[in-house]
């Protein structure tokens, strides 16, 4: 049986994927793992820009935006560079965060460290 946090995380990523697709994004990959670097929750493309998206969700008593830390985003950046290099891609890209608070979704584009 899968652990409850994993089920909650998968449901959040499903909601995030639907949100992005409704906004015109094409989801390319989910849960991309770059060995020794980290994981990218969602890789999507809109027009000619790749988006490397960290999904954070939480319970009512804690705002998940506080889990978008500089350390976590550095891992996403490093994993994004690895992805681009391993796929031989030369496209503009954006490091983003998608915050889920219950039924509310907030997309933070170009999150900087």
PDB file of N, CA and C in Angstrom:
ATOM      1  N   UNK A   1       0.840  -1.197   0.000  1.00  0.00           N
ATOM      2  CA  UNK A   1       0.000   0.000   0.000  1.00  0.00           C
ATOM      3  C   UNK A   1       0.881   1.255   0.000  1.00  0.00           C
ATOM      4  N   UNK A   2       0.509   2.222  -0.803  1.00  0.00           N
ATOM      5  CA  UNK A   2       1.301   3.450  -0.890  1.00  0.00           C
ATOM      6  C   UNK A   2       1.058   4.314   0.336  1.00  0.00           C
ATOM      7  N   UNK A   3       2.088   5.055   0.698  1.00  0.00           N
ATOM      8  CA  UNK A   3       1.990   5.941   1.839  1.00  0.00           C
ATOM      9  C   UNK A   3       1.068   7.114   1.520  1.00  0.00           C
ATOM     10  N   UNK A   4       0.394   7.617   2.567  1.00  0.00           N
ATOM     11  CA  UNK A   4      -0.548   8.725   2.408  1.00  0.00           C
ATOM     12  C   UNK A   4       0.098   9.977   1.808  1.00  0.00           C
ATOM     13  N   UNK A   5       1.314  10.390   2.260  1.00  0.00           N
ATOM     14  CA  UNK A   5       1.925  11.579   1.623  1.00  0.00           C
ATOM     15  C   UNK A   5       2.167  11.391   0.123  1.00  0.00           C
ATOM     16  N   UNK A   6       2.515  10.185  -0.299  1.00  0.00           N
ATOM     17  CA  UNK A   6       2.740   9.913  -1.728  1.00  0.00           C
ATOM     18  C   UNK A   6       1.424  10.043  -2.497  1.00  0.00           C
ATOM     19  N   UNK A   7       0.355   9.514  -1.945  1.00  0.00           N
ATOM     20  CA  UNK A   7      -0.960   9.619  -2.582  1.00  0.00           C
ATOM     21  C   UNK A   7      -1.373  11.091  -2.686  1.00  0.00           C
ATOM     22  N   UNK A   8      -1.178  11.853  -1.603  1.00  0.00           N
ATOM     23  CA  UNK A   8      -1.504  13.281  -1.584  1.00  0.00           C
ATOM     24  C   UNK A   8      -0.666  14.028  -2.622  1.00  0.00           C
ATOM     25  N   UNK A   9       0.636  13.704  -2.694  1.00  0.00           N
ATOM     26  CA  UNK A   9       1.520  14.350  -3.659  1.00  0.00           C
ATOM     27  C   UNK A   9       1.127  14.048  -5.096  1.00  0.00           C
ATOM     28  N   UNK A  10       0.784  12.780  -5.361  1.00  0.00           N
ATOM     29  CA  UNK A  10       0.352  12.405  -6.713  1.00  0.00           C
ATOM     30  C   UNK A  10      -0.928  13.134  -7.106  1.00  0.00           C
ATOM     31  N   UNK A  11      -1.874  13.242  -6.168  1.00  0.00           N
ATOM     32  CA  UNK A  11      -3.131  13.944  -6.446  1.00  0.00           C
ATOM     33  C   UNK A  11      -2.861  15.421  -6.728  1.00  0.00           C
ATOM     34  N   UNK A  12      -1.926  16.008  -5.985  1.00  0.00           N
ATOM     35  CA  UNK A  12      -1.565  17.413  -6.207  1.00  0.00           C
ATOM     36  C   UNK A  12      -0.937  17.600  -7.580  1.00  0.00           C
ATOM     37  N   UNK A  13      -0.063  16.675  -7.974  1.00  0.00           N
ATOM     38  CA  UNK A  13       0.567  16.776  -9.300  1.00  0.00           C
ATOM     39  C   UNK A  13      -0.448  16.548 -10.415  1.00  0.00           C
ATOM     40  N   UNK A  14      -1.442  15.696 -10.175  1.00  0.00           N
ATOM     41  CA  UNK A  14      -2.522  15.514 -11.161  1.00  0.00           C
ATOM     42  C   UNK A  14      -3.288  16.821 -11.342  1.00  0.00           C
ATOM     43  N   UNK A  15      -3.623  17.489 -10.234  1.00  0.00           N
ATOM     44  CA  UNK A  15      -4.324  18.770 -10.293  1.00  0.00           C
ATOM     45  C   UNK A  15      -3.460  19.814 -11.001  1.00  0.00           C
ATOM     46  N   UNK A  16      -2.176  19.831 -10.677  1.00  0.00           N
ATOM     47  CA  UNK A  16      -1.250  20.777 -11.315  1.00  0.00           C
ATOM     48  C   UNK A  16      -1.184  20.541 -12.820  1.00  0.00           C
ATOM     49  N   UNK A  17      -1.123  19.281 -13.222  1.00  0.00           N
ATOM     50  CA  UNK A  17      -1.070  18.933 -14.644  1.00  0.00           C
ATOM     51  C   UNK A  17      -2.325  19.420 -15.369  1.00  0.00           C
ATOM     52  N   UNK A  18      -3.480  19.178 -14.782  1.00  0.00           N
ATOM     53  CA  UNK A  18      -4.741  19.651 -15.397  1.00  0.00           C
ATOM     54  C   UNK A  18      -4.756  21.176 -15.504  1.00  0.00           C
ATOM     55  N   UNK A  19      -4.319  21.850 -14.451  1.00  0.00           N
ATOM     56  CA  UNK A  19      -4.264  23.314 -14.450  1.00  0.00           C
ATOM     57  C   UNK A  19      -3.380  23.810 -15.590  1.00  0.00           C
ATOM     58  N   UNK A  20      -2.180  23.240 -15.711  1.00  0.00           N
ATOM     59  CA  UNK A  20      -1.244  23.668 -16.748  1.00  0.00           C
ATOM     60  C   UNK A  20      -1.804  23.415 -18.146  1.00  0.00           C
ATOM     61  N   UNK A  21      -2.403  22.254 -18.349  1.00  0.00           N
ATOM     62  CA  UNK A  21      -2.967  21.933 -19.673  1.00  0.00           C
ATOM     63  C   UNK A  21      -4.093  22.892 -20.026  1.00  0.00           C
ATOM     64  N   UNK A  22      -4.897  23.300 -19.037  1.00  0.00           N
ATOM     65  CA  UNK A  22      -5.964  24.273 -19.289  1.00  0.00           C
ATOM     66  C   UNK A  22      -5.400  25.643 -19.655  1.00  0.00           C
ATOM     67  N   UNK A  23      -4.175  25.912 -19.224  1.00  0.00           N
ATOM     68  CA  UNK A  23      -3.522  27.192 -19.526  1.00  0.00           C
ATOM     69  C   UNK A  23      -2.695  27.134 -20.805  1.00  0.00           C
ATOM     70  N   UNK A  24      -2.764  26.022 -21.536  1.00  0.00           N
ATOM     71  CA  UNK A  24      -2.084  25.925 -22.820  1.00  0.00           C
ATOM     72  C   UNK A  24      -0.710  25.282 -22.788  1.00  0.00           C
ATOM     73  N   UNK A  25      -0.315  24.741 -21.655  1.00  0.00           N
ATOM     74  CA  UNK A  25       0.971  24.045 -21.557  1.00  0.00           C
ATOM     75  C   UNK A  25       0.817  22.616 -22.067  1.00  0.00           C
ATOM     76  N   UNK A  26       1.906  22.086 -22.611  1.00  0.00           N
ATOM     77  CA  UNK A  26       1.975  20.673 -22.985  1.00  0.00           C
ATOM     78  C   UNK A  26       2.932  20.024 -21.990  1.00  0.00           C
ATOM     79  N   UNK A  27       2.408  19.077 -21.208  1.00  0.00           N
ATOM     80  CA  UNK A  27       3.240  18.399 -20.216  1.00  0.00           C
ATOM     81  C   UNK A  27       4.095  17.362 -20.937  1.00  0.00           C
ATOM     82  N   UNK A  28       5.401  17.470 -20.760  1.00  0.00           N
ATOM     83  CA  UNK A  28       6.350  16.585 -21.424  1.00  0.00           C
ATOM     84  C   UNK A  28       6.720  15.419 -20.520  1.00  0.00           C
ATOM     85  N   UNK A  29       6.998  15.723 -19.254  1.00  0.00           N
ATOM     86  CA  UNK A  29       7.384  14.683 -18.302  1.00  0.00           C
ATOM     87  C   UNK A  29       6.901  15.051 -16.915  1.00  0.00           C
ATOM     88  N   UNK A  30       6.705  14.003 -16.117  1.00  0.00           N
ATOM     89  CA  UNK A  30       6.417  14.193 -14.695  1.00  0.00           C
ATOM     90  C   UNK A  30       7.419  13.372 -13.897  1.00  0.00           C
ATOM     91  N   UNK A  31       7.805  13.915 -12.767  1.00  0.00           N
ATOM     92  CA  UNK A  31       8.719  13.236 -11.846  1.00  0.00           C
ATOM     93  C   UNK A  31      10.029  12.832 -12.526  1.00  0.00           C
ATOM     94  N   UNK A  32      10.611  13.763 -13.245  1.00  0.00           N
ATOM     95  CA  UNK A  32      11.906  13.524 -13.888  1.00  0.00           C
ATOM     96  C   UNK A  32      12.981  13.513 -12.810  1.00  0.00           C
ATOM     97  N   UNK A  33      13.746  12.452 -12.762  1.00  0.00           N
ATOM     98  CA  UNK A  33      14.790  12.309 -11.763  1.00  0.00           C
ATOM     99  C   UNK A  33      16.156  12.427 -12.412  1.00  0.00           C
ATOM    100  N   UNK A  34      16.910  13.426 -11.988  1.00  0.00           N
ATOM    101  CA  UNK A  34      18.286  13.604 -12.450  1.00  0.00           C
ATOM    102  C   UNK A  34      19.195  13.048 -11.363  1.00  0.00           C
ATOM    103  N   UNK A  35      19.846  11.993 -11.673  1.00  0.00           N
ATOM    104  CA  UNK A  35      20.687  11.282 -10.711  1.00  0.00           C
ATOM    105  C   UNK A  35      21.608  12.232  -9.943  1.00  0.00           C
ATOM    106  N   UNK A  36      21.579  12.121  -8.631  1.00  0.00           N
ATOM    107  CA  UNK A  36      22.410  12.890  -7.695  1.00  0.00           C
ATOM    108  C   UNK A  36      22.097  14.385  -7.680  1.00  0.00           C
ATOM    109  N   UNK A  37      21.145  14.829  -8.481  1.00  0.00           N
ATOM    110  CA  UNK A  37      20.817  16.246  -8.521  1.00  0.00           C
ATOM    111  C   UNK A  37      19.459  16.536  -7.891  1.00  0.00           C
ATOM    112  N   UNK A  38      18.482  15.730  -8.223  1.00  0.00           N
ATOM    113  CA  UNK A  38      17.152  15.942  -7.682  1.00  0.00           C
ATOM    114  C   UNK A  38      16.066  15.600  -8.682  1.00  0.00           C
ATOM    115  N   UNK A  39      14.855  15.937  -8.305  1.00  0.00           N
ATOM    116  CA  UNK A  39      13.690  15.614  -9.115  1.00  0.00           C
ATOM    117  C   UNK A  39      12.996  16.898  -9.554  1.00  0.00           C
ATOM    118  N   UNK A  40      12.439  16.849 -10.743  1.00  0.00           N
ATOM    119  CA  UNK A  40      11.587  17.930 -11.235  1.00  0.00           C
ATOM    120  C   UNK A  40      10.189  17.354 -11.322  1.00  0.00           C
ATOM    121  N   UNK A  41       9.244  17.992 -10.645  1.00  0.00           N
ATOM    122  CA  UNK A  41       7.881  17.462 -10.603  1.00  0.00           C
ATOM    123  C   UNK A  41       7.236  17.426 -11.979  1.00  0.00           C
ATOM    124  N   UNK A  42       7.301  18.547 -12.691  1.00  0.00           N
ATOM    125  CA  UNK A  42       6.670  18.621 -14.019  1.00  0.00           C
ATOM    126  C   UNK A  42       7.581  19.396 -14.968  1.00  0.00           C
ATOM    127  N   UNK A  43       7.751  18.852 -16.152  1.00  0.00           N
ATOM    128  CA  UNK A  43       8.412  19.577 -17.239  1.00  0.00           C
ATOM    129  C   UNK A  43       7.348  19.787 -18.300  1.00  0.00           C
ATOM    130  N   UNK A  44       7.122  21.051 -18.641  1.00  0.00           N
ATOM    131  CA  UNK A  44       6.075  21.376 -19.612  1.00  0.00           C
ATOM    132  C   UNK A  44       6.619  22.400 -20.596  1.00  0.00           C
ATOM    133  N   UNK A  45       5.912  22.533 -21.698  1.00  0.00           N
ATOM    134  CA  UNK A  45       6.304  23.510 -22.706  1.00  0.00           C
ATOM    135  C   UNK A  45       5.093  24.342 -23.091  1.00  0.00           C
ATOM    136  N   UNK A  46       5.338  25.622 -23.244  1.00  0.00           N
ATOM    137  CA  UNK A  46       4.320  26.533 -23.771  1.00  0.00           C
ATOM    138  C   UNK A  46       5.017  27.405 -24.787  1.00  0.00           C
ATOM    139  N   UNK A  47       4.489  27.365 -25.991  1.00  0.00           N
ATOM    140  CA  UNK A  47       5.127  28.007 -27.125  1.00  0.00           C
ATOM    141  C   UNK A  47       6.528  27.410 -27.246  1.00  0.00           C
ATOM    142  N   UNK A  48       7.582  28.203 -27.226  1.00  0.00           N
ATOM    143  CA  UNK A  48       8.936  27.638 -27.381  1.00  0.00           C
ATOM    144  C   UNK A  48       9.738  27.707 -26.082  1.00  0.00           C
ATOM    145  N   UNK A  49       9.043  27.784 -24.950  1.00  0.00           N
ATOM    146  CA  UNK A  49       9.711  27.885 -23.656  1.00  0.00           C
ATOM    147  C   UNK A  49       9.451  26.620 -22.843  1.00  0.00           C
ATOM    148  N   UNK A  50      10.524  26.023 -22.333  1.00  0.00           N
ATOM    149  CA  UNK A  50      10.400  24.889 -21.424  1.00  0.00           C
ATOM    150  C   UNK A  50      10.201  25.416 -20.009  1.00  0.00           C
ATOM    151  N   UNK A  51       9.323  24.771 -19.261  1.00  0.00           N
ATOM    152  CA  UNK A  51       9.055  25.160 -17.878  1.00  0.00           C
ATOM    153  C   UNK A  51       9.364  23.978 -16.980  1.00  0.00           C
ATOM    154  N   UNK A  52      10.250  24.202 -16.021  1.00  0.00           N
ATOM    155  CA  UNK A  52      10.602  23.201 -15.025  1.00  0.00           C
ATOM    156  C   UNK A  52       9.885  23.617 -13.748  1.00  0.00           C
ATOM    157  N   UNK A  53       8.915  22.798 -13.342  1.00  0.00           N
ATOM    158  CA  UNK A  53       7.947  23.237 -12.337  1.00  0.00           C
ATOM    159  C   UNK A  53       8.019  22.385 -11.080  1.00  0.00           C
ATOM    160  N   UNK A  54       8.184  23.064  -9.952  1.00  0.00           N
ATOM    161  CA  UNK A  54       8.131  22.439  -8.632  1.00  0.00           C
ATOM    162  C   UNK A  54       6.716  22.616  -8.099  1.00  0.00           C
ATOM    163  N   UNK A  55       6.079  21.518  -7.715  1.00  0.00           N
ATOM    164  CA  UNK A  55       4.713  21.559  -7.193  1.00  0.00           C
ATOM    165  C   UNK A  55       4.769  21.434  -5.673  1.00  0.00           C
ATOM    166  N   UNK A  56       4.111  22.356  -4.996  1.00  0.00           N
ATOM    167  CA  UNK A  56       4.024  22.307  -3.535  1.00  0.00           C
ATOM    168  C   UNK A  56       2.562  22.428  -3.130  1.00  0.00           C
ATOM    169  N   UNK A  57       2.163  21.548  -2.229  1.00  0.00           N
ATOM    170  CA  UNK A  57       0.797  21.596  -1.709  1.00  0.00           C
ATOM    171  C   UNK A  57       0.862  21.342  -0.216  1.00  0.00           C
ATOM    172  N   UNK A  58      -0.195  21.718   0.461  1.00  0.00           N
ATOM    173  CA  UNK A  58      -0.176  21.541   1.907  1.00  0.00           C
ATOM    174  C   UNK A  58      -1.560  21.553   2.505  1.00  0.00           C
ATOM    175  N   UNK A  59      -1.564  21.291   3.769  1.00  0.00           N
ATOM    176  CA  UNK A  59      -2.811  21.287   4.534  1.00  0.00           C
ATOM    177  C   UNK A  59      -3.208  22.722   4.873  1.00  0.00           C
ATOM    178  N   UNK A  60      -4.395  22.880   5.416  1.00  0.00           N
ATOM    179  CA  UNK A  60      -4.951  24.205   5.688  1.00  0.00           C
ATOM    180  C   UNK A  60      -4.135  25.010   6.702  1.00  0.00           C
ATOM    181  N   UNK A  61      -3.387  24.349   7.578  1.00  0.00           N
ATOM    182  CA  UNK A  61      -2.694  25.060   8.641  1.00  0.00           C
ATOM    183  C   UNK A  61      -1.281  25.517   8.276  1.00  0.00           C
ATOM    184  N   UNK A  62      -0.841  25.282   7.034  1.00  0.00           N
ATOM    185  CA  UNK A  62       0.510  25.682   6.616  1.00  0.00           C
ATOM    186  C   UNK A  62       0.499  26.049   5.147  1.00  0.00           C
ATOM    187  N   UNK A  63       1.008  27.227   4.821  1.00  0.00           N
ATOM    188  CA  UNK A  63       1.048  27.669   3.435  1.00  0.00           C
ATOM    189  C   UNK A  63       2.234  26.999   2.733  1.00  0.00           C
ATOM    190  N   UNK A  64       1.978  26.168   1.716  1.00  0.00           N
ATOM    191  CA  UNK A  64       3.050  25.429   1.052  1.00  0.00           C
ATOM    192  C   UNK A  64       4.057  26.296   0.316  1.00  0.00           C
ATOM    193  N   UNK A  65       3.772  27.570   0.113  1.00  0.00           N
ATOM    194  CA  UNK A  65       4.735  28.444  -0.557  1.00  0.00           C
ATOM    195  C   UNK A  65       6.040  28.510   0.242  1.00  0.00           C
ATOM    196  N   UNK A  66       5.948  28.290   1.542  1.00  0.00           N
ATOM    197  CA  UNK A  66       7.153  28.325   2.383  1.00  0.00           C
ATOM    198  C   UNK A  66       8.061  27.123   2.165  1.00  0.00           C
ATOM    199  N   UNK A  67       7.583  26.136   1.438  1.00  0.00           N
ATOM    200  CA  UNK A  67       8.422  24.984   1.088  1.00  0.00           C
ATOM    201  C   UNK A  67       9.180  25.200  -0.215  1.00  0.00           C
ATOM    202  N   UNK A  68       8.974  26.330  -0.852  1.00  0.00           N
ATOM    203  CA  UNK A  68       9.741  26.685  -2.056  1.00  0.00           C
ATOM    204  C   UNK A  68      10.989  27.414  -1.548  1.00  0.00           C
ATOM    205  N   UNK A  69      11.993  26.626  -1.206  1.00  0.00           N
ATOM    206  CA  UNK A  69      13.197  27.174  -0.581  1.00  0.00           C
ATOM    207  C   UNK A  69      14.309  27.366  -1.615  1.00  0.00           C
ATOM    208  N   UNK A  70      15.259  28.226  -1.302  1.00  0.00           N
ATOM    209  CA  UNK A  70      16.395  28.394  -2.225  1.00  0.00           C
ATOM    210  C   UNK A  70      17.126  27.076  -2.491  1.00  0.00           C
ATOM    211  N   UNK A  71      17.282  26.253  -1.477  1.00  0.00           N
ATOM    212  CA  UNK A  71      17.960  24.969  -1.665  1.00  0.00           C
ATOM    213  C   UNK A  71      17.209  24.053  -2.614  1.00  0.00           C
ATOM    214  N   UNK A  72      15.900  23.990  -2.451  1.00  0.00           N
ATOM    215  CA  UNK A  72      15.087  23.149  -3.335  1.00  0.00           C
ATOM    216  C   UNK A  72      15.124  23.675  -4.764  1.00  0.00           C
ATOM    217  N   UNK A  73      15.023  24.977  -4.918  1.00  0.00           N
ATOM    218  CA  UNK A  73      15.009  25.547  -6.265  1.00  0.00           C
ATOM    219  C   UNK A  73      16.377  25.410  -6.939  1.00  0.00           C
ATOM    220  N   UNK A  74      17.469  25.434  -6.159  1.00  0.00           N
ATOM    221  CA  UNK A  74      18.797  25.180  -6.733  1.00  0.00           C
ATOM    222  C   UNK A  74      18.859  23.780  -7.328  1.00  0.00           C
ATOM    223  N   UNK A  75      18.249  22.813  -6.635  1.00  0.00           N
ATOM    224  CA  UNK A  75      18.204  21.442  -7.158  1.00  0.00           C
ATOM    225  C   UNK A  75      17.414  21.385  -8.454  1.00  0.00           C
ATOM    226  N   UNK A  76      16.323  22.134  -8.519  1.00  0.00           N
ATOM    227  CA  UNK A  76      15.521  22.171  -9.746  1.00  0.00           C
ATOM    228  C   UNK A  76      16.341  22.790 -10.879  1.00  0.00           C
ATOM    229  N   UNK A  77      17.046  23.873 -10.594  1.00  0.00           N
ATOM    230  CA  UNK A  77      17.880  24.526 -11.609  1.00  0.00           C
ATOM    231  C   UNK A  77      18.942  23.556 -12.118  1.00  0.00           C
ATOM    232  N   UNK A  78      19.654  22.909 -11.209  1.00  0.00           N
ATOM    233  CA  UNK A  78      20.698  21.962 -11.611  1.00  0.00           C
ATOM    234  C   UNK A  78      20.124  20.802 -12.414  1.00  0.00           C
ATOM    235  N   UNK A  79      18.970  20.299 -11.992  1.00  0.00           N
ATOM    236  CA  UNK A  79      18.320  19.209 -12.721  1.00  0.00           C
ATOM    237  C   UNK A  79      17.856  19.675 -14.102  1.00  0.00           C
ATOM    238  N   UNK A  80      17.398  20.929 -14.192  1.00  0.00           N
ATOM    239  CA  UNK A  80      16.964  21.481 -15.480  1.00  0.00           C
ATOM    240  C   UNK A  80      18.139  21.560 -16.455  1.00  0.00           C
ATOM    241  N   UNK A  81      19.282  22.028 -15.978  1.00  0.00           N
ATOM    242  CA  UNK A  81      20.478  22.076 -16.838  1.00  0.00           C
ATOM    243  C   UNK A  81      20.872  20.677 -17.292  1.00  0.00           C
ATOM    244  N   UNK A  82      20.810  19.728 -16.380  1.00  0.00           N
ATOM    245  CA  UNK A  82      21.141  18.342 -16.721  1.00  0.00           C
ATOM    246  C   UNK A  82      20.173  17.818 -17.786  1.00  0.00           C
ATOM    247  N   UNK A  83      18.882  18.083 -17.612  1.00  0.00           N
ATOM    248  CA  UNK A  83      17.857  17.648 -18.568  1.00  0.00           C
ATOM    249  C   UNK A  83      18.146  18.237 -19.951  1.00  0.00           C
ATOM    250  N   UNK A  84      18.391  19.546 -19.991  1.00  0.00           N
ATOM    251  CA  UNK A  84      18.640  20.217 -21.267  1.00  0.00           C
ATOM    252  C   UNK A  84      19.871  19.632 -21.958  1.00  0.00           C
ATOM    253  N   UNK A  85      20.925  19.413 -21.184  1.00  0.00           N
ATOM    254  CA  UNK A  85      22.155  18.871 -21.757  1.00  0.00           C
ATOM    255  C   UNK A  85      21.950  17.439 -22.236  1.00  0.00           C
ATOM    256  N   UNK A  86      21.290  16.610 -21.433  1.00  0.00           N
ATOM    257  CA  UNK A  86      21.117  15.196 -21.797  1.00  0.00           C
ATOM    258  C   UNK A  86      20.190  15.020 -23.002  1.00  0.00           C
ATOM    259  N   UNK A  87      19.283  15.970 -23.223  1.00  0.00           N
ATOM    260  CA  UNK A  87      18.360  15.900 -24.359  1.00  0.00           C
ATOM    261  C   UNK A  87      18.851  16.738 -25.540  1.00  0.00           C
ATOM    262  N   UNK A  88      20.019  17.365 -25.388  1.00  0.00           N
ATOM    263  CA  UNK A  88      20.611  18.205 -26.438  1.00  0.00           C
ATOM    264  C   UNK A  88      19.644  19.315 -26.865  1.00  0.00           C
ATOM    265  N   UNK A  89      19.071  19.995 -25.869  1.00  0.00           N
ATOM    266  CA  UNK A  89      18.109  21.060 -26.130  1.00  0.00           C
ATOM    267  C   UNK A  89      18.760  22.421 -25.934  1.00  0.00           C
ATOM    268  N   UNK A  90      18.390  23.334 -26.776  1.00  0.00           N
ATOM    269  CA  UNK A  90      18.845  24.714 -26.661  1.00  0.00           C
ATOM    270  C   UNK A  90      17.614  25.608 -26.829  1.00  0.00           C
ATOM    271  N   UNK A  91      16.847  25.691 -25.751  1.00  0.00           N
ATOM    272  CA  UNK A  91      15.606  26.465 -25.753  1.00  0.00           C
ATOM    273  C   UNK A  91      15.601  27.400 -24.553  1.00  0.00           C
ATOM    274  N   UNK A  92      14.863  28.482 -24.649  1.00  0.00           N
ATOM    275  CA  UNK A  92      14.667  29.287 -23.441  1.00  0.00           C
ATOM    276  C   UNK A  92      13.884  28.452 -22.416  1.00  0.00           C
ATOM    277  N   UNK A  93      14.193  28.679 -21.143  1.00  0.00           N
ATOM    278  CA  UNK A  93      13.471  27.930 -20.124  1.00  0.00           C
ATOM    279  C   UNK A  93      13.177  28.800 -18.920  1.00  0.00           C
ATOM    280  N   UNK A  94      12.263  28.303 -18.104  1.00  0.00           N
ATOM    281  CA  UNK A  94      11.819  29.017 -16.918  1.00  0.00           C
ATOM    282  C   UNK A  94      11.747  28.032 -15.751  1.00  0.00           C
ATOM    283  N   UNK A  95      12.171  28.482 -14.592  1.00  0.00           N
ATOM    284  CA  UNK A  95      12.059  27.700 -13.371  1.00  0.00           C
ATOM    285  C   UNK A  95      10.859  28.256 -12.619  1.00  0.00           C
ATOM    286  N   UNK A  96       9.859  27.410 -12.407  1.00  0.00           N
ATOM    287  CA  UNK A  96       8.591  27.865 -11.864  1.00  0.00           C
ATOM    288  C   UNK A  96       8.186  27.051 -10.637  1.00  0.00           C
ATOM    289  N   UNK A  97       7.218  27.573  -9.917  1.00  0.00           N
ATOM    290  CA  UNK A  97       6.614  26.843  -8.803  1.00  0.00           C
ATOM    291  C   UNK A  97       5.097  26.927  -8.970  1.00  0.00           C
ATOM    292  N   UNK A  98       4.443  25.848  -8.620  1.00  0.00           N
ATOM    293  CA  UNK A  98       2.985  25.807  -8.664  1.00  0.00           C
ATOM    294  C   UNK A  98       2.529  25.437  -7.251  1.00  0.00           C
ATOM    295  N   UNK A  99       1.779  26.341  -6.636  1.00  0.00           N
ATOM    296  CA  UNK A  99       1.362  26.190  -5.249  1.00  0.00           C
ATOM    297  C   UNK A  99      -0.110  25.811  -5.212  1.00  0.00           C
ATOM    298  N   UNK A 100      -0.412  24.755  -4.473  1.00  0.00           N
ATOM    299  CA  UNK A 100      -1.795  24.291  -4.356  1.00  0.00           C
ATOM    300  C   UNK A 100      -2.228  24.425  -2.894  1.00  0.00           C
ATOM    301  N   UNK A 101      -3.284  25.210  -2.712  1.00  0.00           N
ATOM    302  CA  UNK A 101      -3.885  25.403  -1.393  1.00  0.00           C
ATOM    303  C   UNK A 101      -5.346  24.969  -1.505  1.00  0.00           C
ATOM    304  N   UNK A 102      -5.620  23.723  -1.160  1.00  0.00           N
ATOM    305  CA  UNK A 102      -6.979  23.202  -1.326  1.00  0.00           C
ATOM    306  C   UNK A 102      -7.320  23.152  -2.799  1.00  0.00           C
ATOM    307  N   UNK A 103      -8.358  23.903  -3.204  1.00  0.00           N
ATOM    308  CA  UNK A 103      -8.763  23.956  -4.606  1.00  0.00           C
ATOM    309  C   UNK A 103      -8.143  25.142  -5.352  1.00  0.00           C
ATOM    310  N   UNK A 104      -7.387  25.961  -4.649  1.00  0.00           N
ATOM    311  CA  UNK A 104      -6.765  27.140  -5.245  1.00  0.00           C
ATOM    312  C   UNK A 104      -5.380  26.782  -5.776  1.00  0.00           C
ATOM    313  N   UNK A 105      -5.100  27.221  -7.011  1.00  0.00           N
ATOM    314  CA  UNK A 105      -3.800  26.966  -7.626  1.00  0.00           C
ATOM    315  C   UNK A 105      -3.164  28.308  -7.983  1.00  0.00           C
ATOM    316  N   UNK A 106      -1.913  28.470  -7.582  1.00  0.00           N
ATOM    317  CA  UNK A 106      -1.166  29.688  -7.889  1.00  0.00           C
ATOM    318  C   UNK A 106       0.093  29.294  -8.653  1.00  0.00           C
ATOM    319  N   UNK A 107       0.279  29.878  -9.826  1.00  0.00           N
ATOM    320  CA  UNK A 107       1.437  29.598 -10.660  1.00  0.00           C
ATOM    321  C   UNK A 107       2.433  30.737 -10.528  1.00  0.00           C
ATOM    322  N   UNK A 108       3.633  30.425 -10.035  1.00  0.00           N
ATOM    323  CA  UNK A 108       4.685  31.419  -9.879  1.00  0.00           C
ATOM    324  C   UNK A 108       5.732  31.169 -10.954  1.00  0.00           C
ATOM    325  N   UNK A 109       5.781  32.052 -11.924  1.00  0.00           N
ATOM    326  CA  UNK A 109       6.675  31.867 -13.055  1.00  0.00           C
ATOM    327  C   UNK A 109       7.994  32.594 -12.792  1.00  0.00           C
ATOM    328  N   UNK A 110       9.092  31.995 -13.285  1.00  0.00           N
ATOM    329  CA  UNK A 110      10.433  32.569 -13.158  1.00  0.00           C
ATOM    330  C   UNK A 110      10.818  32.816 -11.696  1.00  0.00           C
ATOM    331  N   UNK A 111      10.717  31.769 -10.909  1.00  0.00           N
ATOM    332  CA  UNK A 111      11.120  31.860  -9.494  1.00  0.00           C
ATOM    333  C   UNK A 111      12.633  32.007  -9.446  1.00  0.00           C
ATOM    334  N   UNK A 112      13.111  33.016  -8.774  1.00  0.00           N
ATOM    335  CA  UNK A 112      14.550  33.238  -8.669  1.00  0.00           C
ATOM    336  C   UNK A 112      15.048  32.805  -7.303  1.00  0.00           C
ATOM    337  N   UNK A 113      16.329  32.563  -7.234  1.00  0.00           N
ATOM    338  CA  UNK A 113      16.928  32.108  -5.982  1.00  0.00           C
ATOM    339  C   UNK A 113      17.276  33.267  -5.080  1.00  0.00           C
TER     340      UNK A 113
END
